[in-house]
Amino acid sequence: MHGFSFGFELVFKADYTSVQGGYDQIDRIYGVNFAGFGSWSPISSGIFRKKEQAGYSAYGGVKGALSSNGLTKSMYLYLRVGNDTAWI
């Protein structure tokens, strides 16, 4: 997964399983990398809901704090998996 915003880039890799007619799931989140202006402090990363549930997608990813020019913002990039599709 790849996200670019506010002069920084956040990238991670994910393995997931799409089950036609069943519940999709995220198997792992790995290879997190940050590049850009300022400093990055990870808050959380990994799988937050491993398996899709009725009405709720499985999701995982990375959340952190980006500090630059005296300002700090919470930023995140999440992968969602459900209904036999994946999106960010």
C-alpha atoms as a PDB file:
ATOM      1  CA  MET A   1       0.000   0.000   0.000  1.00  0.00           C
ATOM      2  CA  HIS A   2       1.257   3.454  -0.817  1.00  0.00           C
ATOM      3  CA  GLY A   3       0.144   6.830   0.504  1.00  0.00           C
ATOM      4  CA  PHE A   4       1.553  10.247  -0.342  1.00  0.00           C
ATOM      5  CA  SER A   5       0.342  13.432   1.347  1.00  0.00           C
ATOM      6  CA  PHE A   6       1.658  16.676   2.857  1.00  0.00           C
ATOM      7  CA  GLY A   7       5.202  16.039   1.583  1.00  0.00           C
ATOM      8  CA  PHE A   8       5.642  12.575   3.039  1.00  0.00           C
ATOM      9  CA  GLU A   9       5.268   9.030   1.797  1.00  0.00           C
ATOM     10  CA  LEU A  10       4.100   6.036   3.816  1.00  0.00           C
ATOM     11  CA  VAL A  11       4.413   2.530   2.364  1.00  0.00           C
ATOM     12  CA  PHE A  12       3.674  -0.943   3.692  1.00  0.00           C
ATOM     13  CA  LYS A  13       3.100  -4.415   2.303  1.00  0.00           C
ATOM     14  CA  ALA A  14       0.188  -6.675   3.152  1.00  0.00           C
ATOM     15  CA  ASP A  15      -0.893 -10.240   2.536  1.00  0.00           C
ATOM     16  CA  TYR A  16      -4.623 -10.882   2.481  1.00  0.00           C
ATOM     17  CA  THR A  17      -7.040 -13.633   1.476  1.00  0.00           C
ATOM     18  CA  SER A  18     -10.218 -13.000  -0.487  1.00  0.00           C
ATOM     19  CA  VAL A  19     -12.780 -15.761   0.064  1.00  0.00           C
ATOM     20  CA  GLN A  20     -15.516 -15.752  -2.577  1.00  0.00           C
ATOM     21  CA  GLY A  21     -18.829 -16.161  -0.764  1.00  0.00           C
ATOM     22  CA  GLY A  22     -17.073 -16.108   2.623  1.00  0.00           C
ATOM     23  CA  TYR A  23     -15.294 -13.713   4.932  1.00  0.00           C
ATOM     24  CA  ASP A  24     -12.075 -12.128   3.631  1.00  0.00           C
ATOM     25  CA  GLN A  25      -9.112 -11.644   5.952  1.00  0.00           C
ATOM     26  CA  ILE A  26      -5.799  -9.836   6.310  1.00  0.00           C
ATOM     27  CA  ASP A  27      -2.934 -12.224   7.000  1.00  0.00           C
ATOM     28  CA  ARG A  28      -0.111  -9.789   7.777  1.00  0.00           C
ATOM     29  CA  ILE A  29       1.143  -6.200   7.536  1.00  0.00           C
ATOM     30  CA  TYR A  30       4.893  -5.739   7.062  1.00  0.00           C
ATOM     31  CA  GLY A  31       7.656  -3.698   5.429  1.00  0.00           C
ATOM     32  CA  VAL A  32       6.549  -0.317   6.806  1.00  0.00           C
ATOM     33  CA  ASN A  33       8.625   2.564   5.420  1.00  0.00           C
ATOM     34  CA  PHE A  34       8.390   6.345   5.816  1.00  0.00           C
ATOM     35  CA  ALA A  35      10.097   9.047   3.750  1.00  0.00           C
ATOM     36  CA  GLY A  36       9.651  12.793   3.705  1.00  0.00           C
ATOM     37  CA  PHE A  37      10.069  16.042   5.562  1.00  0.00           C
ATOM     38  CA  GLY A  38       9.918  16.021   9.351  1.00  0.00           C
ATOM     39  CA  SER A  39      10.032  13.103  11.730  1.00  0.00           C
ATOM     40  CA  TRP A  40       7.762  10.080  11.959  1.00  0.00           C
ATOM     41  CA  SER A  41       6.808   8.444  15.274  1.00  0.00           C
ATOM     42  CA  PRO A  42       4.840   5.201  14.930  1.00  0.00           C
ATOM     43  CA  ILE A  43       1.752   4.928  17.138  1.00  0.00           C
ATOM     44  CA  SER A  44       0.405   1.570  15.968  1.00  0.00           C
ATOM     45  CA  SER A  45       0.730  -0.822  13.077  1.00  0.00           C
ATOM     46  CA  GLY A  46      -0.571  -4.253  12.257  1.00  0.00           C
ATOM     47  CA  ILE A  47      -3.934  -5.916  11.856  1.00  0.00           C
ATOM     48  CA  PHE A  48      -6.777  -4.245  13.743  1.00  0.00           C
ATOM     49  CA  ARG A  49      -9.618  -6.517  12.561  1.00  0.00           C
ATOM     50  CA  LYS A  50      -8.204  -9.714  11.066  1.00  0.00           C
ATOM     51  CA  LYS A  51     -11.356 -11.140   9.528  1.00  0.00           C
ATOM     52  CA  GLU A  52     -14.293  -9.486   7.779  1.00  0.00           C
ATOM     53  CA  GLN A  53     -17.547  -9.655   9.745  1.00  0.00           C
ATOM     54  CA  ALA A  54     -21.126  -9.085   8.617  1.00  0.00           C
ATOM     55  CA  GLY A  55     -21.224  -5.369   7.773  1.00  0.00           C
ATOM     56  CA  TYR A  56     -17.583  -4.712   8.760  1.00  0.00           C
ATOM     57  CA  SER A  57     -14.437  -4.999   6.643  1.00  0.00           C
ATOM     58  CA  ALA A  58     -11.187  -6.448   7.909  1.00  0.00           C
ATOM     59  CA  TYR A  59      -8.588  -3.701   8.262  1.00  0.00           C
ATOM     60  CA  GLY A  60      -5.001  -3.059   9.177  1.00  0.00           C
ATOM     61  CA  GLY A  61      -2.210  -0.658   8.447  1.00  0.00           C
ATOM     62  CA  VAL A  62      -0.100   2.044  10.033  1.00  0.00           C
ATOM     63  CA  LYS A  63      -0.841   5.070  12.225  1.00  0.00           C
ATOM     64  CA  GLY A  64       1.718   7.559  13.458  1.00  0.00           C
ATOM     65  CA  ALA A  65       2.563  11.137  14.325  1.00  0.00           C
ATOM     66  CA  LEU A  66       4.256  13.358  11.763  1.00  0.00           C
ATOM     67  CA  SER A  67       6.151  16.333  13.222  1.00  0.00           C
ATOM     68  CA  SER A  68       7.387  19.170  11.015  1.00  0.00           C
ATOM     69  CA  ASN A  69       7.947  22.891  11.548  1.00  0.00           C
ATOM     70  CA  GLY A  70       6.713  22.711  15.146  1.00  0.00           C
ATOM     71  CA  LEU A  71       3.419  21.039  14.215  1.00  0.00           C
ATOM     72  CA  THR A  72       2.386  17.441  14.864  1.00  0.00           C
ATOM     73  CA  LYS A  73      -0.365  15.633  12.962  1.00  0.00           C
ATOM     74  CA  SER A  74      -1.740  12.118  13.282  1.00  0.00           C
ATOM     75  CA  MET A  75      -1.532  10.340   9.941  1.00  0.00           C
ATOM     76  CA  TYR A  76      -2.624   6.867   8.905  1.00  0.00           C
ATOM     77  CA  LEU A  77      -2.812   4.507   5.963  1.00  0.00           C
ATOM     78  CA  TYR A  78      -5.210   1.584   6.306  1.00  0.00           C
ATOM     79  CA  LEU A  79      -5.958  -1.359   4.035  1.00  0.00           C
ATOM     80  CA  ARG A  80      -9.542  -2.603   4.129  1.00  0.00           C
ATOM     81  CA  VAL A  81     -10.675  -5.987   2.818  1.00  0.00           C
ATOM     82  CA  GLY A  82     -14.297  -7.066   2.387  1.00  0.00           C
ATOM     83  CA  ASN A  83     -16.894  -8.207  -0.133  1.00  0.00           C
ATOM     84  CA  ASP A  84     -14.141  -9.874  -2.180  1.00  0.00           C
ATOM     85  CA  THR A  85     -12.258  -6.608  -2.753  1.00  0.00           C
ATOM     86  CA  ALA A  86      -9.475  -4.551  -1.139  1.00  0.00           C
ATOM     87  CA  TRP A  87      -9.094  -0.759  -0.874  1.00  0.00           C
ATOM     88  CA  ILE A  88      -7.258   1.987   0.996  1.00  0.00           C
END
